[in-house]
Amino acid sequence: LAAALAAQPDDVPAAFAAYAAARQPRVTAVWKAAARTGEHYHQTGMMAAARDLVLRVAGERFLLARNDWLYRWTPGA
């Protein structure tokens, strides 16, 4: 936000619009990932058993690596 405001200090609404436009792809990706995760974690029955087995076999590193794009993101990347 600071960079957008610095780029257009005399037009705050335009700076906010540029900031929102720049964020939109990442916000959409995070929303979609959260929806997929919610679907996985709210399964029941055999699908839940299969999910649990996959998570147990894949391990912690799999989950961390799968979400690196989210948790290791830095502005401007």
Protein backbone atom coordinates (compact mmCIF):
# COMPACT_ATOMS: atom_id res chain seq x y z
CA LEU A 1 0.00 0.00 0.00
CA ALA A 2 2.84 2.36 0.85
CA ALA A 3 4.39 1.83 -2.59
CA ALA A 4 1.07 2.50 -4.33
CA LEU A 5 0.58 5.69 -2.32
CA ALA A 6 4.17 6.79 -3.00
CA ALA A 7 3.64 6.24 -6.73
CA GLN A 8 0.49 8.37 -6.76
CA PRO A 9 0.67 10.68 -3.74
CA ASP A 10 -1.70 13.22 -5.24
CA ASP A 11 -4.38 10.70 -6.18
CA VAL A 12 -5.17 8.53 -3.17
CA PRO A 13 -8.25 6.86 -4.74
CA ALA A 14 -6.16 5.82 -7.75
CA ALA A 15 -3.41 4.54 -5.46
CA PHE A 16 -5.94 2.42 -3.55
CA ALA A 17 -7.35 1.13 -6.83
CA ALA A 18 -3.86 0.18 -8.05
CA TYR A 19 -3.14 -1.55 -4.75
CA ALA A 20 -6.38 -3.51 -4.93
CA ALA A 21 -5.72 -4.51 -8.54
CA ALA A 22 -2.21 -5.68 -7.68
CA ARG A 23 -3.52 -7.78 -4.77
CA GLN A 24 -6.45 -9.35 -6.59
CA PRO A 25 -4.63 -12.34 -8.16
CA ARG A 26 -3.09 -13.36 -4.82
CA VAL A 27 -6.34 -12.82 -2.91
CA THR A 28 -8.13 -15.03 -5.45
CA ALA A 29 -5.46 -17.74 -5.17
CA VAL A 30 -5.61 -17.68 -1.35
CA TRP A 31 -9.42 -17.85 -1.43
CA LYS A 32 -9.38 -20.83 -3.80
CA ALA A 33 -6.74 -22.64 -1.74
CA ALA A 34 -8.76 -22.07 1.44
CA ALA A 35 -11.90 -23.41 -0.23
CA ARG A 36 -10.06 -26.56 -1.40
CA THR A 37 -8.56 -27.07 2.04
CA GLY A 38 -11.98 -26.68 3.63
CA GLU A 39 -13.41 -29.30 1.30
CA HIS A 40 -10.62 -31.71 2.20
CA TYR A 41 -10.81 -31.20 5.94
CA HIS A 42 -14.59 -31.44 6.14
CA GLN A 43 -14.94 -34.77 4.39
CA THR A 44 -16.53 -37.69 6.20
CA GLY A 45 -16.58 -41.46 5.99
CA MET A 46 -14.28 -43.22 3.57
CA MET A 47 -13.09 -39.96 2.03
CA ALA A 48 -12.00 -38.72 5.46
CA ALA A 49 -10.18 -42.01 6.10
CA ALA A 50 -8.41 -41.71 2.74
CA ARG A 51 -7.48 -38.10 3.48
CA ASP A 52 -6.09 -39.05 6.87
CA LEU A 53 -4.01 -41.84 5.35
CA VAL A 54 -2.59 -39.54 2.67
CA LEU A 55 -1.72 -36.91 5.27
CA ARG A 56 -0.11 -39.49 7.53
CA VAL A 57 1.98 -40.94 4.70
CA ALA A 58 2.86 -37.58 3.11
CA GLY A 59 3.88 -36.07 6.41
CA GLU A 60 4.41 -32.61 7.72
CA ARG A 61 6.93 -31.55 5.07
CA PHE A 62 4.40 -32.20 2.32
CA LEU A 63 1.90 -29.84 3.90
CA LEU A 64 4.50 -27.17 4.51
CA ALA A 65 5.89 -27.44 0.97
CA ARG A 66 2.40 -27.37 -0.49
CA ASN A 67 1.76 -24.03 1.17
CA ASP A 68 5.16 -22.40 0.74
CA TRP A 69 3.71 -20.06 -1.89
CA LEU A 70 1.38 -18.74 0.79
CA TYR A 71 3.53 -18.61 3.92
CA ARG A 72 6.84 -17.60 2.35
CA TRP A 73 5.40 -14.83 0.20
CA THR A 74 7.00 -11.42 0.41
CA PRO A 75 5.74 -8.13 -1.04
CA GLY A 76 6.95 -7.50 -4.54
CA ALA A 77 7.59 -11.18 -5.21
